[in-house]
Amino acid sequence: MSVILFRHKLIFLVGLGLHLKSLAQKLPERFDLHEPHRLLIELTEYEHLHRIFRMCNTHVARYIRNANVPEAVRNKMRSLVCVRHDSWDETLQAIQVEGGKAGAGNVF
């Protein structure tokens, strides 16, 4: 599954994280593949989403590499592939402005 973040779908993603967390609560005790000392039921909704993003990083990297935007805009796009970003909204706005039509239509 390839996950591309669109700003207007952030609510969906938080909901997805909450759904994954609720599913993990129903499972028998299972350890996390990325942090084997932690149980899945201990993960937050954001940590569940981080696992999905980690798995599809190759797809996101390919999408960014093929985007028809200047390299500086690609670098900003790459900076968004993280768990926490201190200037998320400002970076999205810069991608939309500096990336022209492609940046405005293909923002994470």
C-alpha atoms as a PDB file:
ATOM      1  CA  MET A   1       0.000   0.000   0.000  1.00  0.00           C
ATOM      2  CA  SER A   2       1.324   3.381  -0.956  1.00  0.00           C
ATOM      3  CA  VAL A   3       0.395   6.241   1.315  1.00  0.00           C
ATOM      4  CA  ILE A   4       0.745   9.803   0.072  1.00  0.00           C
ATOM      5  CA  LEU A   5      -0.193  12.529   2.505  1.00  0.00           C
ATOM      6  CA  PHE A   6      -2.566  15.136   1.205  1.00  0.00           C
ATOM      7  CA  ARG A   7      -3.137  18.015   3.562  1.00  0.00           C
ATOM      8  CA  HIS A   8      -6.917  17.716   3.374  1.00  0.00           C
ATOM      9  CA  LYS A   9      -6.699  14.060   4.386  1.00  0.00           C
ATOM     10  CA  LEU A  10      -4.829  14.507   7.656  1.00  0.00           C
ATOM     11  CA  ILE A  11      -8.024  13.873   9.592  1.00  0.00           C
ATOM     12  CA  PHE A  12      -8.385  10.589   7.737  1.00  0.00           C
ATOM     13  CA  LEU A  13      -4.834   9.617   8.653  1.00  0.00           C
ATOM     14  CA  VAL A  14      -5.327  10.355  12.335  1.00  0.00           C
ATOM     15  CA  GLY A  15      -8.505   8.276  12.152  1.00  0.00           C
ATOM     16  CA  LEU A  16      -6.563   5.494  10.461  1.00  0.00           C
ATOM     17  CA  GLY A  17      -3.964   5.617  13.226  1.00  0.00           C
ATOM     18  CA  LEU A  18      -6.705   5.402  15.853  1.00  0.00           C
ATOM     19  CA  HIS A  19      -8.273   2.479  13.988  1.00  0.00           C
ATOM     20  CA  LEU A  20      -4.941   0.636  13.850  1.00  0.00           C
ATOM     21  CA  LYS A  21      -4.483   1.274  17.557  1.00  0.00           C
ATOM     22  CA  SER A  22      -7.929  -0.144  18.320  1.00  0.00           C
ATOM     23  CA  LEU A  23      -7.195  -3.220  16.185  1.00  0.00           C
ATOM     24  CA  ALA A  24      -3.935  -3.780  18.053  1.00  0.00           C
ATOM     25  CA  GLN A  25      -5.868  -3.716  21.341  1.00  0.00           C
ATOM     26  CA  LYS A  26      -7.900  -6.712  20.124  1.00  0.00           C
ATOM     27  CA  LEU A  27      -4.877  -8.821  19.150  1.00  0.00           C
ATOM     28  CA  PRO A  28      -3.179 -11.284  21.439  1.00  0.00           C
ATOM     29  CA  GLU A  29       0.102  -9.945  22.783  1.00  0.00           C
ATOM     30  CA  ARG A  30       2.395  -9.366  19.800  1.00  0.00           C
ATOM     31  CA  PHE A  31       5.680  -7.572  19.669  1.00  0.00           C
ATOM     32  CA  ASP A  32       6.401  -4.748  17.251  1.00  0.00           C
ATOM     33  CA  LEU A  33       8.663  -5.700  14.332  1.00  0.00           C
ATOM     34  CA  HIS A  34      10.556  -2.384  14.458  1.00  0.00           C
ATOM     35  CA  GLU A  35      10.976  -2.202  18.231  1.00  0.00           C
ATOM     36  CA  PRO A  36      10.889  -5.840  19.360  1.00  0.00           C
ATOM     37  CA  HIS A  37      10.914  -4.916  23.060  1.00  0.00           C
ATOM     38  CA  ARG A  38       7.512  -3.156  22.707  1.00  0.00           C
ATOM     39  CA  LEU A  39       4.073  -4.686  22.363  1.00  0.00           C
ATOM     40  CA  LEU A  40       1.773  -3.500  19.572  1.00  0.00           C
ATOM     41  CA  ILE A  41      -0.810  -2.443  22.151  1.00  0.00           C
ATOM     42  CA  GLU A  42       1.724   0.051  23.561  1.00  0.00           C
ATOM     43  CA  LEU A  43       2.056   1.989  20.295  1.00  0.00           C
ATOM     44  CA  THR A  44       0.295   5.320  19.838  1.00  0.00           C
ATOM     45  CA  GLU A  45      -1.821   6.068  16.770  1.00  0.00           C
ATOM     46  CA  TYR A  46       1.098   8.081  15.362  1.00  0.00           C
ATOM     47  CA  GLU A  47       3.529   5.217  15.899  1.00  0.00           C
ATOM     48  CA  HIS A  48       1.181   2.880  14.002  1.00  0.00           C
ATOM     49  CA  LEU A  49       1.129   5.376  11.119  1.00  0.00           C
ATOM     50  CA  HIS A  50       4.909   5.653  11.291  1.00  0.00           C
ATOM     51  CA  ARG A  51       5.143   1.895  10.701  1.00  0.00           C
ATOM     52  CA  ILE A  52       3.048   2.265   7.531  1.00  0.00           C
ATOM     53  CA  PHE A  53       5.142   5.181   6.296  1.00  0.00           C
ATOM     54  CA  ARG A  54       8.334   3.292   6.988  1.00  0.00           C
ATOM     55  CA  MET A  55       7.110   0.380   4.872  1.00  0.00           C
ATOM     56  CA  CYS A  56       6.135   2.571   1.915  1.00  0.00           C
ATOM     57  CA  ASN A  57       9.114   4.925   1.998  1.00  0.00           C
ATOM     58  CA  THR A  58      10.330   3.532  -1.339  1.00  0.00           C
ATOM     59  CA  HIS A  59       7.070   4.504  -3.032  1.00  0.00           C
ATOM     60  CA  VAL A  60       7.120   7.996  -1.561  1.00  0.00           C
ATOM     61  CA  ALA A  61      10.754   8.476  -2.618  1.00  0.00           C
ATOM     62  CA  ARG A  62       9.906   7.406  -6.182  1.00  0.00           C
ATOM     63  CA  TYR A  63       6.921   9.765  -6.272  1.00  0.00           C
ATOM     64  CA  ILE A  64       9.072  12.697  -5.132  1.00  0.00           C
ATOM     65  CA  ARG A  65      11.900  11.816  -7.542  1.00  0.00           C
ATOM     66  CA  ASN A  66       9.438  11.799 -10.471  1.00  0.00           C
ATOM     67  CA  ALA A  67       7.576  14.971  -9.447  1.00  0.00           C
ATOM     68  CA  ASN A  68       7.825  17.748 -12.033  1.00  0.00           C
ATOM     69  CA  VAL A  69       9.081  20.379  -9.577  1.00  0.00           C
ATOM     70  CA  PRO A  70      12.459  22.058  -8.928  1.00  0.00           C
ATOM     71  CA  GLU A  71      14.990  20.129  -6.830  1.00  0.00           C
ATOM     72  CA  ALA A  72      14.586  22.614  -3.953  1.00  0.00           C
ATOM     73  CA  VAL A  73      10.881  21.708  -3.819  1.00  0.00           C
ATOM     74  CA  ARG A  74      11.727  17.984  -3.890  1.00  0.00           C
ATOM     75  CA  ASN A  75      13.975  18.566  -0.878  1.00  0.00           C
ATOM     76  CA  LYS A  76      11.082  20.205   0.954  1.00  0.00           C
ATOM     77  CA  MET A  77       8.847  17.254   0.050  1.00  0.00           C
ATOM     78  CA  ARG A  78      11.466  14.841   1.392  1.00  0.00           C
ATOM     79  CA  SER A  79      11.630  16.813   4.645  1.00  0.00           C
ATOM     80  CA  LEU A  80       7.957  16.017   5.278  1.00  0.00           C
ATOM     81  CA  VAL A  81       8.607  12.271   5.453  1.00  0.00           C
ATOM     82  CA  CYS A  82       9.017  12.185   9.210  1.00  0.00           C
ATOM     83  CA  VAL A  83       7.034  11.615  12.372  1.00  0.00           C
ATOM     84  CA  ARG A  84       7.205  15.243  13.515  1.00  0.00           C
ATOM     85  CA  HIS A  85       7.903  18.342  11.457  1.00  0.00           C
ATOM     86  CA  ASP A  86       8.250  21.694  13.226  1.00  0.00           C
ATOM     87  CA  SER A  87       7.166  23.768  10.212  1.00  0.00           C
ATOM     88  CA  TRP A  88       4.705  21.409   8.478  1.00  0.00           C
ATOM     89  CA  ASP A  89       2.181  24.022   7.298  1.00  0.00           C
ATOM     90  CA  GLU A  90       4.854  26.460   6.169  1.00  0.00           C
ATOM     91  CA  THR A  91       6.638  23.747   4.190  1.00  0.00           C
ATOM     92  CA  LEU A  92       3.404  22.646   2.502  1.00  0.00           C
ATOM     93  CA  GLN A  93       2.713  26.246   1.532  1.00  0.00           C
ATOM     94  CA  ALA A  94       6.263  26.675   0.143  1.00  0.00           C
ATOM     95  CA  ILE A  95       5.879  23.504  -1.951  1.00  0.00           C
ATOM     96  CA  GLN A  96       2.598  24.785  -3.352  1.00  0.00           C
ATOM     97  CA  VAL A  97       4.035  28.229  -4.173  1.00  0.00           C
ATOM     98  CA  GLU A  98       7.512  27.245  -5.380  1.00  0.00           C
ATOM     99  CA  GLY A  99       6.467  24.054  -7.156  1.00  0.00           C
ATOM    100  CA  GLY A 100       4.144  25.742  -9.629  1.00  0.00           C
ATOM    101  CA  LYS A 101       1.219  23.721 -10.974  1.00  0.00           C
ATOM    102  CA  ALA A 102       2.863  20.387 -10.121  1.00  0.00           C
ATOM    103  CA  GLY A 103       3.634  21.524  -6.558  1.00  0.00           C
ATOM    104  CA  ALA A 104       0.122  22.846  -6.023  1.00  0.00           C
ATOM    105  CA  GLY A 105      -1.518  19.650  -7.272  1.00  0.00           C
ATOM    106  CA  ASN A 106       0.777  17.055  -5.784  1.00  0.00           C
ATOM    107  CA  VAL A 107       1.407  18.166  -2.239  1.00  0.00           C
ATOM    108  CA  PHE A 108       1.714  15.391   0.279  1.00  0.00           C
END
